[in-house]
Every structure is written in C-alpha cells, then in structure tokens.
C-alpha cells in the first residue's frame, strides 16, 4: 500500500469521518489506521474479502468527493503553510508571533 495514499486517506478520514456511515468508518479505520489486510477485515466482520474491497473503494471515492466539494483538508494544509511562513517572516514581532502561534495551536486541535 502506498504510504502517500494511506496518509491522505487517514487525513481525509479525520476531517470527514462523521459524514460516513458506521460501517464505512469501521472498514476505513481497520484498513488504513489499524493496517488490517482485506482478509483480516473480512474475517473480523464475517464478510467476503470482495465485500471488504468494494466497501473500501466506495468509501475512498466518498472521502475524495467530500474533499472535492468541501476542501477542508486542502484548506488546512494551505493555512498551515501560511501560518508557518508568517511565523518565519515576522519572528522578530513578539505580539504577531504570539497571535500566529495561537492560531496555529487552534488549527492543530
């Protein structure tokens, strides 16, 4: 499994998990977060390996659709980069640095 795809799916899952069904959440969490194989998930949930595969692929598409429409993850990445750039550029301004660090801490909660 590609590490980039795993990282992206885990990030999208963090942003959009509450929009998924419980079943979708379980499959994605087991596969991406807990690193279960398709066979292990199938055994755990008493379904076929093909059912697991199909559910995961459908849920990946759902997560990508949410991101395409809502941009929560990509906006988070951009905001983080902007905050980091501002902290670097204005590191000598104590007040501004404190405010930017506060914003950054809110972003990371």
PDB file of N, CA and C in Angstrom:
ATOM      1  N   UNK A   1       0.855  -1.177   0.000  1.00  0.00           N
ATOM      2  CA  UNK A   1       0.000   0.000   0.000  1.00  0.00           C
ATOM      3  C   UNK A   1       0.899   1.237   0.000  1.00  0.00           C
ATOM      4  N   UNK A   2       0.552   2.189  -0.832  1.00  0.00           N
ATOM      5  CA  UNK A   2       1.353   3.400  -0.922  1.00  0.00           C
ATOM      6  C   UNK A   2       1.217   4.227   0.355  1.00  0.00           C
ATOM      7  N   UNK A   3       2.337   4.677   0.867  1.00  0.00           N
ATOM      8  CA  UNK A   3       2.325   5.458   2.100  1.00  0.00           C
ATOM      9  C   UNK A   3       1.601   6.790   1.903  1.00  0.00           C
ATOM     10  N   UNK A   4       1.763   7.414   0.716  1.00  0.00           N
ATOM     11  CA  UNK A   4       1.106   8.689   0.450  1.00  0.00           C
ATOM     12  C   UNK A   4      -0.411   8.532   0.460  1.00  0.00           C
ATOM     13  N   UNK A   5      -0.885   7.454  -0.168  1.00  0.00           N
ATOM     14  CA  UNK A   5      -2.331   7.218  -0.202  1.00  0.00           C
ATOM     15  C   UNK A   5      -2.850   6.933   1.208  1.00  0.00           C
ATOM     16  N   UNK A   6      -2.101   6.157   1.955  1.00  0.00           N
ATOM     17  CA  UNK A   6      -2.502   5.853   3.331  1.00  0.00           C
ATOM     18  C   UNK A   6      -2.581   7.132   4.158  1.00  0.00           C
ATOM     19  N   UNK A   7      -1.578   7.973   4.047  1.00  0.00           N
ATOM     20  CA  UNK A   7      -1.578   9.240   4.784  1.00  0.00           C
ATOM     21  C   UNK A   7      -2.747  10.124   4.371  1.00  0.00           C
ATOM     22  N   UNK A   8      -3.003  10.186   3.069  1.00  0.00           N
ATOM     23  CA  UNK A   8      -4.108  11.013   2.578  1.00  0.00           C
ATOM     24  C   UNK A   8      -5.446  10.474   3.086  1.00  0.00           C
ATOM     25  N   UNK A   9      -5.657   9.174   2.992  1.00  0.00           N
ATOM     26  CA  UNK A   9      -6.924   8.588   3.443  1.00  0.00           C
ATOM     27  C   UNK A   9      -7.118   8.790   4.943  1.00  0.00           C
ATOM     28  N   UNK A  10      -6.052   8.642   5.703  1.00  0.00           N
ATOM     29  CA  UNK A  10      -6.147   8.885   7.149  1.00  0.00           C
ATOM     30  C   UNK A  10      -6.502  10.340   7.434  1.00  0.00           C
ATOM     31  N   UNK A  11      -5.908  11.267   6.677  1.00  0.00           N
ATOM     32  CA  UNK A  11      -6.211  12.693   6.869  1.00  0.00           C
ATOM     33  C   UNK A  11      -7.655  12.997   6.470  1.00  0.00           C
ATOM     34  N   UNK A  12      -8.072  12.490   5.319  1.00  0.00           N
ATOM     35  CA  UNK A  12      -9.455  12.713   4.892  1.00  0.00           C
ATOM     36  C   UNK A  12     -10.426  12.098   5.889  1.00  0.00           C
ATOM     37  N   UNK A  13     -10.070  10.940   6.410  1.00  0.00           N
ATOM     38  CA  UNK A  13     -10.922  10.278   7.403  1.00  0.00           C
ATOM     39  C   UNK A  13     -11.063  11.155   8.650  1.00  0.00           C
ATOM     40  N   UNK A  14      -9.979  11.772   9.080  1.00  0.00           N
ATOM     41  CA  UNK A  14     -10.045  12.662  10.253  1.00  0.00           C
ATOM     42  C   UNK A  14     -11.009  13.822  10.023  1.00  0.00           C
ATOM     43  N   UNK A  15     -11.013  14.362   8.826  1.00  0.00           N
ATOM     44  CA  UNK A  15     -11.874  15.501   8.528  1.00  0.00           C
ATOM     45  C   UNK A  15     -13.326  15.108   8.283  1.00  0.00           C
ATOM     46  N   UNK A  16     -13.555  13.971   7.660  1.00  0.00           N
ATOM     47  CA  UNK A  16     -14.893  13.644   7.180  1.00  0.00           C
ATOM     48  C   UNK A  16     -15.518  12.402   7.817  1.00  0.00           C
ATOM     49  N   UNK A  17     -14.910  11.843   8.826  1.00  0.00           N
ATOM     50  CA  UNK A  17     -15.408  10.598   9.426  1.00  0.00           C
ATOM     51  C   UNK A  17     -16.862  10.713   9.868  1.00  0.00           C
ATOM     52  N   UNK A  18     -17.231  11.848  10.412  1.00  0.00           N
ATOM     53  CA  UNK A  18     -18.600  11.994  10.920  1.00  0.00           C
ATOM     54  C   UNK A  18     -19.639  12.008   9.801  1.00  0.00           C
ATOM     55  N   UNK A  19     -19.205  12.178   8.558  1.00  0.00           N
ATOM     56  CA  UNK A  19     -20.123  12.156   7.425  1.00  0.00           C
ATOM     57  C   UNK A  19     -20.308  10.741   6.868  1.00  0.00           C
ATOM     58  N   UNK A  20     -19.522   9.809   7.354  1.00  0.00           N
ATOM     59  CA  UNK A  20     -19.604   8.422   6.886  1.00  0.00           C
ATOM     60  C   UNK A  20     -20.571   7.619   7.742  1.00  0.00           C
ATOM     61  N   UNK A  21     -21.028   6.516   7.181  1.00  0.00           N
ATOM     62  CA  UNK A  21     -21.830   5.595   7.977  1.00  0.00           C
ATOM     63  C   UNK A  21     -20.903   4.863   8.940  1.00  0.00           C
ATOM     64  N   UNK A  22     -21.478   4.247   9.938  1.00  0.00           N
ATOM     65  CA  UNK A  22     -20.669   3.489  10.898  1.00  0.00           C
ATOM     66  C   UNK A  22     -19.903   2.366  10.198  1.00  0.00           C
ATOM     67  N   UNK A  23     -20.549   1.718   9.264  1.00  0.00           N
ATOM     68  CA  UNK A  23     -19.908   0.631   8.513  1.00  0.00           C
ATOM     69  C   UNK A  23     -18.712   1.162   7.722  1.00  0.00           C
ATOM     70  N   UNK A  24     -18.898   2.285   7.030  1.00  0.00           N
ATOM     71  CA  UNK A  24     -17.797   2.871   6.271  1.00  0.00           C
ATOM     72  C   UNK A  24     -16.642   3.254   7.187  1.00  0.00           C
ATOM     73  N   UNK A  25     -16.975   3.840   8.335  1.00  0.00           N
ATOM     74  CA  UNK A  25     -15.941   4.220   9.292  1.00  0.00           C
ATOM     75  C   UNK A  25     -15.156   2.993   9.750  1.00  0.00           C
ATOM     76  N   UNK A  26     -15.846   1.914  10.074  1.00  0.00           N
ATOM     77  CA  UNK A  26     -15.180   0.695  10.552  1.00  0.00           C
ATOM     78  C   UNK A  26     -14.216   0.140   9.516  1.00  0.00           C
ATOM     79  N   UNK A  27     -14.671   0.036   8.272  1.00  0.00           N
ATOM     80  CA  UNK A  27     -13.822  -0.524   7.223  1.00  0.00           C
ATOM     81  C   UNK A  27     -12.579   0.327   7.004  1.00  0.00           C
ATOM     82  N   UNK A  28     -12.768   1.639   6.865  1.00  0.00           N
ATOM     83  CA  UNK A  28     -11.636   2.534   6.605  1.00  0.00           C
ATOM     84  C   UNK A  28     -10.672   2.560   7.780  1.00  0.00           C
ATOM     85  N   UNK A  29     -11.215   2.597   8.981  1.00  0.00           N
ATOM     86  CA  UNK A  29     -10.353   2.632  10.164  1.00  0.00           C
ATOM     87  C   UNK A  29      -9.533   1.355  10.284  1.00  0.00           C
ATOM     88  N   UNK A  30     -10.167   0.225  10.083  1.00  0.00           N
ATOM     89  CA  UNK A  30      -9.432  -1.044  10.161  1.00  0.00           C
ATOM     90  C   UNK A  30      -8.359  -1.122   9.075  1.00  0.00           C
ATOM     91  N   UNK A  31      -8.705  -0.713   7.871  1.00  0.00           N
ATOM     92  CA  UNK A  31      -7.783  -0.861   6.749  1.00  0.00           C
ATOM     93  C   UNK A  31      -6.635   0.150   6.803  1.00  0.00           C
ATOM     94  N   UNK A  32      -6.966   1.415   6.984  1.00  0.00           N
ATOM     95  CA  UNK A  32      -5.925   2.450   6.925  1.00  0.00           C
ATOM     96  C   UNK A  32      -5.282   2.756   8.272  1.00  0.00           C
ATOM     97  N   UNK A  33      -6.062   2.917   9.306  1.00  0.00           N
ATOM     98  CA  UNK A  33      -5.492   3.302  10.596  1.00  0.00           C
ATOM     99  C   UNK A  33      -4.881   2.108  11.326  1.00  0.00           C
ATOM    100  N   UNK A  34      -5.591   0.970  11.301  1.00  0.00           N
ATOM    101  CA  UNK A  34      -5.117  -0.199  12.037  1.00  0.00           C
ATOM    102  C   UNK A  34      -4.296  -1.157  11.183  1.00  0.00           C
ATOM    103  N   UNK A  35      -4.195  -0.883   9.890  1.00  0.00           N
ATOM    104  CA  UNK A  35      -3.362  -1.651   8.952  1.00  0.00           C
ATOM    105  C   UNK A  35      -3.768  -3.119   8.848  1.00  0.00           C
ATOM    106  N   UNK A  36      -5.058  -3.383   8.918  1.00  0.00           N
ATOM    107  CA  UNK A  36      -5.554  -4.742   8.703  1.00  0.00           C
ATOM    108  C   UNK A  36      -5.531  -5.042   7.205  1.00  0.00           C
ATOM    109  N   UNK A  37      -5.328  -6.293   6.859  1.00  0.00           N
ATOM    110  CA  UNK A  37      -5.434  -6.715   5.462  1.00  0.00           C
ATOM    111  C   UNK A  37      -6.910  -6.907   5.125  1.00  0.00           C
ATOM    112  N   UNK A  38      -7.205  -7.010   3.832  1.00  0.00           N
ATOM    113  CA  UNK A  38      -8.583  -7.262   3.416  1.00  0.00           C
ATOM    114  C   UNK A  38      -9.097  -8.568   4.025  1.00  0.00           C
ATOM    115  N   UNK A  39      -8.244  -9.585   4.039  1.00  0.00           N
ATOM    116  CA  UNK A  39      -8.637 -10.878   4.596  1.00  0.00           C
ATOM    117  C   UNK A  39      -8.911 -10.784   6.099  1.00  0.00           C
ATOM    118  N   UNK A  40      -8.098 -10.034   6.809  1.00  0.00           N
ATOM    119  CA  UNK A  40      -8.302  -9.877   8.252  1.00  0.00           C
ATOM    120  C   UNK A  40      -9.610  -9.138   8.552  1.00  0.00           C
ATOM    121  N   UNK A  41      -9.905  -8.128   7.757  1.00  0.00           N
ATOM    122  CA  UNK A  41     -11.160  -7.395   7.949  1.00  0.00           C
ATOM    123  C   UNK A  41     -12.343  -8.303   7.638  1.00  0.00           C
ATOM    124  N   UNK A  42     -12.227  -9.065   6.545  1.00  0.00           N
ATOM    125  CA  UNK A  42     -13.303  -9.983   6.165  1.00  0.00           C
ATOM    126  C   UNK A  42     -13.579 -10.989   7.277  1.00  0.00           C
ATOM    127  N   UNK A  43     -12.521 -11.510   7.858  1.00  0.00           N
ATOM    128  CA  UNK A  43     -12.675 -12.475   8.953  1.00  0.00           C
ATOM    129  C   UNK A  43     -13.284 -11.797  10.184  1.00  0.00           C
ATOM    130  N   UNK A  44     -12.799 -10.621  10.495  1.00  0.00           N
ATOM    131  CA  UNK A  44     -13.276  -9.876  11.666  1.00  0.00           C
ATOM    132  C   UNK A  44     -14.767  -9.542  11.561  1.00  0.00           C
ATOM    133  N   UNK A  45     -15.194  -9.152  10.348  1.00  0.00           N
ATOM    134  CA  UNK A  45     -16.573  -8.702  10.156  1.00  0.00           C
ATOM    135  C   UNK A  45     -17.476  -9.783   9.553  1.00  0.00           C
ATOM    136  N   UNK A  46     -16.907 -10.962   9.343  1.00  0.00           N
ATOM    137  CA  UNK A  46     -17.667 -12.103   8.816  1.00  0.00           C
ATOM    138  C   UNK A  46     -18.325 -11.791   7.465  1.00  0.00           C
ATOM    139  N   UNK A  47     -17.521 -11.229   6.567  1.00  0.00           N
ATOM    140  CA  UNK A  47     -17.954 -10.944   5.201  1.00  0.00           C
ATOM    141  C   UNK A  47     -16.871 -11.444   4.250  1.00  0.00           C
ATOM    142  N   UNK A  48     -17.131 -11.352   2.950  1.00  0.00           N
ATOM    143  CA  UNK A  48     -16.124 -11.799   1.982  1.00  0.00           C
ATOM    144  C   UNK A  48     -15.046 -10.733   1.802  1.00  0.00           C
ATOM    145  N   UNK A  49     -13.911 -11.186   1.336  1.00  0.00           N
ATOM    146  CA  UNK A  49     -12.812 -10.268   1.035  1.00  0.00           C
ATOM    147  C   UNK A  49     -13.250  -9.277  -0.035  1.00  0.00           C
ATOM    148  N   UNK A  50     -14.019  -9.745  -1.021  1.00  0.00           N
ATOM    149  CA  UNK A  50     -14.515  -8.880  -2.093  1.00  0.00           C
ATOM    150  C   UNK A  50     -15.446  -7.793  -1.542  1.00  0.00           C
ATOM    151  N   UNK A  51     -16.263  -8.135  -0.572  1.00  0.00           N
ATOM    152  CA  UNK A  51     -17.157  -7.151   0.045  1.00  0.00           C
ATOM    153  C   UNK A  51     -16.341  -6.062   0.745  1.00  0.00           C
ATOM    154  N   UNK A  52     -15.282  -6.468   1.406  1.00  0.00           N
ATOM    155  CA  UNK A  52     -14.401  -5.506   2.080  1.00  0.00           C
ATOM    156  C   UNK A  52     -13.759  -4.582   1.045  1.00  0.00           C
ATOM    157  N   UNK A  53     -13.208  -5.181   0.006  1.00  0.00           N
ATOM    158  CA  UNK A  53     -12.555  -4.417  -1.060  1.00  0.00           C
ATOM    159  C   UNK A  53     -13.523  -3.403  -1.664  1.00  0.00           C
ATOM    160  N   UNK A  54     -14.713  -3.850  -2.028  1.00  0.00           N
ATOM    161  CA  UNK A  54     -15.708  -2.973  -2.653  1.00  0.00           C
ATOM    162  C   UNK A  54     -16.095  -1.826  -1.721  1.00  0.00           C
ATOM    163  N   UNK A  55     -16.301  -2.144  -0.444  1.00  0.00           N
ATOM    164  CA  UNK A  55     -16.692  -1.115   0.514  1.00  0.00           C
ATOM    165  C   UNK A  55     -15.591  -0.087   0.690  1.00  0.00           C
ATOM    166  N   UNK A  56     -14.365  -0.532   0.790  1.00  0.00           N
ATOM    167  CA  UNK A  56     -13.236   0.394   0.956  1.00  0.00           C
ATOM    168  C   UNK A  56     -13.098   1.291  -0.274  1.00  0.00           C
ATOM    169  N   UNK A  57     -13.185   0.718  -1.469  1.00  0.00           N
ATOM    170  CA  UNK A  57     -13.066   1.513  -2.698  1.00  0.00           C
ATOM    171  C   UNK A  57     -14.190   2.544  -2.800  1.00  0.00           C
ATOM    172  N   UNK A  58     -15.409   2.151  -2.470  1.00  0.00           N
ATOM    173  CA  UNK A  58     -16.531   3.098  -2.497  1.00  0.00           C
ATOM    174  C   UNK A  58     -16.327   4.215  -1.477  1.00  0.00           C
ATOM    175  N   UNK A  59     -15.869   3.855  -0.301  1.00  0.00           N
ATOM    176  CA  UNK A  59     -15.677   4.850   0.749  1.00  0.00           C
ATOM    177  C   UNK A  59     -14.526   5.792   0.417  1.00  0.00           C
ATOM    178  N   UNK A  60     -13.481   5.295  -0.213  1.00  0.00           N
ATOM    179  CA  UNK A  60     -12.396   6.176  -0.676  1.00  0.00           C
ATOM    180  C   UNK A  60     -12.949   7.229  -1.635  1.00  0.00           C
ATOM    181  N   UNK A  61     -13.812   6.796  -2.544  1.00  0.00           N
ATOM    182  CA  UNK A  61     -14.420   7.734  -3.500  1.00  0.00           C
ATOM    183  C   UNK A  61     -15.291   8.754  -2.774  1.00  0.00           C
ATOM    184  N   UNK A  62     -16.025   8.310  -1.774  1.00  0.00           N
ATOM    185  CA  UNK A  62     -16.866   9.211  -0.987  1.00  0.00           C
ATOM    186  C   UNK A  62     -15.993  10.257  -0.295  1.00  0.00           C
ATOM    187  N   UNK A  63     -14.900   9.823   0.322  1.00  0.00           N
ATOM    188  CA  UNK A  63     -13.996  10.758   1.004  1.00  0.00           C
ATOM    189  C   UNK A  63     -13.405  11.769   0.022  1.00  0.00           C
ATOM    190  N   UNK A  64     -12.995  11.296  -1.145  1.00  0.00           N
ATOM    191  CA  UNK A  64     -12.433  12.199  -2.158  1.00  0.00           C
ATOM    192  C   UNK A  64     -13.495  13.172  -2.673  1.00  0.00           C
ATOM    193  N   UNK A  65     -14.729  12.712  -2.780  1.00  0.00           N
ATOM    194  CA  UNK A  65     -15.822  13.592  -3.209  1.00  0.00           C
ATOM    195  C   UNK A  65     -16.068  14.680  -2.171  1.00  0.00           C
ATOM    196  N   UNK A  66     -16.071  14.304  -0.902  1.00  0.00           N
ATOM    197  CA  UNK A  66     -16.222  15.307   0.153  1.00  0.00           C
ATOM    198  C   UNK A  66     -15.114  16.347   0.064  1.00  0.00           C
ATOM    199  N   UNK A  67     -13.898  15.891  -0.141  1.00  0.00           N
ATOM    200  CA  UNK A  67     -12.769  16.824  -0.213  1.00  0.00           C
ATOM    201  C   UNK A  67     -12.897  17.731  -1.434  1.00  0.00           C
ATOM    202  N   UNK A  68     -13.322  17.190  -2.554  1.00  0.00           N
ATOM    203  CA  UNK A  68     -13.503  17.980  -3.770  1.00  0.00           C
ATOM    204  C   UNK A  68     -14.535  19.087  -3.551  1.00  0.00           C
ATOM    205  N   UNK A  69     -15.579  18.765  -2.811  1.00  0.00           N
ATOM    206  CA  UNK A  69     -16.656  19.731  -2.596  1.00  0.00           C
ATOM    207  C   UNK A  69     -16.390  20.684  -1.430  1.00  0.00           C
ATOM    208  N   UNK A  70     -15.774  20.186  -0.373  1.00  0.00           N
ATOM    209  CA  UNK A  70     -15.639  20.978   0.852  1.00  0.00           C
ATOM    210  C   UNK A  70     -14.240  21.558   1.081  1.00  0.00           C
ATOM    211  N   UNK A  71     -13.214  20.948   0.544  1.00  0.00           N
ATOM    212  CA  UNK A  71     -11.824  21.432   0.627  1.00  0.00           C
ATOM    213  C   UNK A  71     -11.288  21.580   2.048  1.00  0.00           C
ATOM    214  N   UNK A  72     -11.820  20.878   2.996  1.00  0.00           N
ATOM    215  CA  UNK A  72     -11.381  21.061   4.379  1.00  0.00           C
ATOM    216  C   UNK A  72      -9.921  20.664   4.574  1.00  0.00           C
ATOM    217  N   UNK A  73      -9.509  19.553   4.011  1.00  0.00           N
ATOM    218  CA  UNK A  73      -8.123  19.089   4.177  1.00  0.00           C
ATOM    219  C   UNK A  73      -7.150  19.995   3.432  1.00  0.00           C
ATOM    220  N   UNK A  74      -7.437  20.295   2.183  1.00  0.00           N
ATOM    221  CA  UNK A  74      -6.516  21.140   1.409  1.00  0.00           C
ATOM    222  C   UNK A  74      -6.427  22.549   1.999  1.00  0.00           C
ATOM    223  N   UNK A  75      -7.549  23.077   2.479  1.00  0.00           N
ATOM    224  CA  UNK A  75      -7.522  24.393   3.122  1.00  0.00           C
ATOM    225  C   UNK A  75      -6.689  24.359   4.407  1.00  0.00           C
ATOM    226  N   UNK A  76      -6.777  23.268   5.149  1.00  0.00           N
ATOM    227  CA  UNK A  76      -5.989  23.088   6.371  1.00  0.00           C
ATOM    228  C   UNK A  76      -4.492  23.122   6.041  1.00  0.00           C
ATOM    229  N   UNK A  77      -4.102  22.446   4.984  1.00  0.00           N
ATOM    230  CA  UNK A  77      -2.694  22.405   4.575  1.00  0.00           C
ATOM    231  C   UNK A  77      -2.221  23.812   4.178  1.00  0.00           C
ATOM    232  N   UNK A  78      -3.029  24.515   3.404  1.00  0.00           N
ATOM    233  CA  UNK A  78      -2.663  25.866   2.961  1.00  0.00           C
ATOM    234  C   UNK A  78      -2.560  26.815   4.154  1.00  0.00           C
ATOM    235  N   UNK A  79      -3.547  26.760   5.058  1.00  0.00           N
ATOM    236  CA  UNK A  79      -3.493  27.629   6.250  1.00  0.00           C
ATOM    237  C   UNK A  79      -2.241  27.353   7.075  1.00  0.00           C
ATOM    238  N   UNK A  80      -1.896  26.089   7.224  1.00  0.00           N
ATOM    239  CA  UNK A  80      -0.697  25.734   7.983  1.00  0.00           C
ATOM    240  C   UNK A  80       0.561  26.295   7.359  1.00  0.00           C
ATOM    241  N   UNK A  81       0.637  26.241   6.034  1.00  0.00           N
ATOM    242  CA  UNK A  81       1.808  26.786   5.333  1.00  0.00           C
ATOM    243  C   UNK A  81       1.875  28.302   5.472  1.00  0.00           C
ATOM    244  N   UNK A  82       0.734  28.945   5.363  1.00  0.00           N
ATOM    245  CA  UNK A  82       0.695  30.411   5.507  1.00  0.00           C
ATOM    246  C   UNK A  82       1.117  30.814   6.918  1.00  0.00           C
ATOM    247  N   UNK A  83       0.584  30.130   7.919  1.00  0.00           N
ATOM    248  CA  UNK A  83       0.970  30.438   9.303  1.00  0.00           C
ATOM    249  C   UNK A  83       2.465  30.224   9.516  1.00  0.00           C
ATOM    250  N   UNK A  84       2.975  29.145   9.000  1.00  0.00           N
ATOM    251  CA  UNK A  84       4.402  28.858   9.139  1.00  0.00           C
ATOM    252  C   UNK A  84       5.254  29.940   8.467  1.00  0.00           C
ATOM    253  N   UNK A  85       4.850  30.343   7.259  1.00  0.00           N
ATOM    254  CA  UNK A  85       5.581  31.394   6.542  1.00  0.00           C
ATOM    255  C   UNK A  85       5.544  32.714   7.310  1.00  0.00           C
ATOM    256  N   UNK A  86       4.381  33.058   7.848  1.00  0.00           N
ATOM    257  CA  UNK A  86       4.255  34.305   8.615  1.00  0.00           C
ATOM    258  C   UNK A  86       5.101  34.267   9.888  1.00  0.00           C
ATOM    259  N   UNK A  87       5.093  33.124  10.566  1.00  0.00           N
ATOM    260  CA  UNK A  87       5.923  32.994  11.775  1.00  0.00           C
ATOM    261  C   UNK A  87       7.399  33.169  11.456  1.00  0.00           C
ATOM    262  N   UNK A  88       7.821  32.646  10.330  1.00  0.00           N
ATOM    263  CA  UNK A  88       9.221  32.776   9.923  1.00  0.00           C
ATOM    264  C   UNK A  88       9.550  34.227   9.553  1.00  0.00           C
ATOM    265  N   UNK A  89       8.674  34.826   8.765  1.00  0.00           N
ATOM    266  CA  UNK A  89       8.931  36.182   8.272  1.00  0.00           C
ATOM    267  C   UNK A  89       8.868  37.225   9.382  1.00  0.00           C
ATOM    268  N   UNK A  90       7.972  37.059  10.350  1.00  0.00           N
ATOM    269  CA  UNK A  90       7.779  38.065  11.391  1.00  0.00           C
ATOM    270  C   UNK A  90       8.192  37.548  12.768  1.00  0.00           C
ATOM    271  N   UNK A  91       9.220  36.762  12.801  1.00  0.00           N
ATOM    272  CA  UNK A  91       9.674  36.177  14.067  1.00  0.00           C
ATOM    273  C   UNK A  91      10.148  37.236  15.062  1.00  0.00           C
ATOM    274  N   UNK A  92      10.546  38.398  14.587  1.00  0.00           N
ATOM    275  CA  UNK A  92      11.025  39.455  15.489  1.00  0.00           C
ATOM    276  C   UNK A  92       9.876  40.264  16.108  1.00  0.00           C
ATOM    277  N   UNK A  93       8.666  40.126  15.607  1.00  0.00           N
ATOM    278  CA  UNK A  93       7.498  40.823  16.152  1.00  0.00           C
ATOM    279  C   UNK A  93       6.833  39.912  17.179  1.00  0.00           C
ATOM    280  N   UNK A  94       7.080  40.178  18.457  1.00  0.00           N
ATOM    281  CA  UNK A  94       6.619  39.319  19.543  1.00  0.00           C
ATOM    282  C   UNK A  94       5.105  39.167  19.552  1.00  0.00           C
ATOM    283  N   UNK A  95       4.398  40.286  19.460  1.00  0.00           N
ATOM    284  CA  UNK A  95       2.932  40.230  19.523  1.00  0.00           C
ATOM    285  C   UNK A  95       2.370  39.402  18.367  1.00  0.00           C
ATOM    286  N   UNK A  96       2.830  39.698  17.160  1.00  0.00           N
ATOM    287  CA  UNK A  96       2.340  38.972  15.994  1.00  0.00           C
ATOM    288  C   UNK A  96       2.706  37.490  16.079  1.00  0.00           C
ATOM    289  N   UNK A  97       3.891  37.188  16.520  1.00  0.00           N
ATOM    290  CA  UNK A  97       4.315  35.784  16.668  1.00  0.00           C
ATOM    291  C   UNK A  97       3.421  35.047  17.657  1.00  0.00           C
ATOM    292  N   UNK A  98       3.097  35.699  18.764  1.00  0.00           N
ATOM    293  CA  UNK A  98       2.217  35.069  19.766  1.00  0.00           C
ATOM    294  C   UNK A  98       0.837  34.801  19.185  1.00  0.00           C
ATOM    295  N   UNK A  99       0.313  35.768  18.438  1.00  0.00           N
ATOM    296  CA  UNK A  99      -1.012  35.606  17.844  1.00  0.00           C
ATOM    297  C   UNK A  99      -1.015  34.501  16.779  1.00  0.00           C
ATOM    298  N   UNK A 100       0.029  34.465  15.987  1.00  0.00           N
ATOM    299  CA  UNK A 100       0.137  33.426  14.958  1.00  0.00           C
ATOM    300  C   UNK A 100       0.291  32.043  15.591  1.00  0.00           C
ATOM    301  N   UNK A 101       1.053  31.949  16.675  1.00  0.00           N
ATOM    302  CA  UNK A 101       1.198  30.675  17.376  1.00  0.00           C
ATOM    303  C   UNK A 101      -0.128  30.232  17.985  1.00  0.00           C
ATOM    304  N   UNK A 102      -0.908  31.193  18.465  1.00  0.00           N
ATOM    305  CA  UNK A 102      -2.239  30.881  18.989  1.00  0.00           C
ATOM    306  C   UNK A 102      -3.123  30.321  17.873  1.00  0.00           C
ATOM    307  N   UNK A 103      -3.109  30.980  16.728  1.00  0.00           N
ATOM    308  CA  UNK A 103      -3.864  30.473  15.580  1.00  0.00           C
ATOM    309  C   UNK A 103      -3.397  29.077  15.182  1.00  0.00           C
ATOM    310  N   UNK A 104      -2.102  28.883  15.180  1.00  0.00           N
ATOM    311  CA  UNK A 104      -1.547  27.586  14.821  1.00  0.00           C
ATOM    312  C   UNK A 104      -1.975  26.508  15.795  1.00  0.00           C
ATOM    313  N   UNK A 105      -2.016  26.830  17.084  1.00  0.00           N
ATOM    314  CA  UNK A 105      -2.445  25.841  18.072  1.00  0.00           C
ATOM    315  C   UNK A 105      -3.927  25.508  17.902  1.00  0.00           C
ATOM    316  N   UNK A 106      -4.736  26.486  17.536  1.00  0.00           N
ATOM    317  CA  UNK A 106      -6.153  26.236  17.272  1.00  0.00           C
ATOM    318  C   UNK A 106      -6.335  25.347  16.049  1.00  0.00           C
ATOM    319  N   UNK A 107      -5.516  25.560  15.050  1.00  0.00           N
ATOM    320  CA  UNK A 107      -5.555  24.746  13.830  1.00  0.00           C
ATOM    321  C   UNK A 107      -5.255  23.281  14.121  1.00  0.00           C
ATOM    322  N   UNK A 108      -4.351  23.044  15.064  1.00  0.00           N
ATOM    323  CA  UNK A 108      -3.872  21.681  15.319  1.00  0.00           C
ATOM    324  C   UNK A 108      -4.703  20.928  16.337  1.00  0.00           C
ATOM    325  N   UNK A 109      -5.743  21.535  16.867  1.00  0.00           N
ATOM    326  CA  UNK A 109      -6.591  20.849  17.859  1.00  0.00           C
ATOM    327  C   UNK A 109      -7.512  19.869  17.193  1.00  0.00           C
TER     328      UNK A 109
END
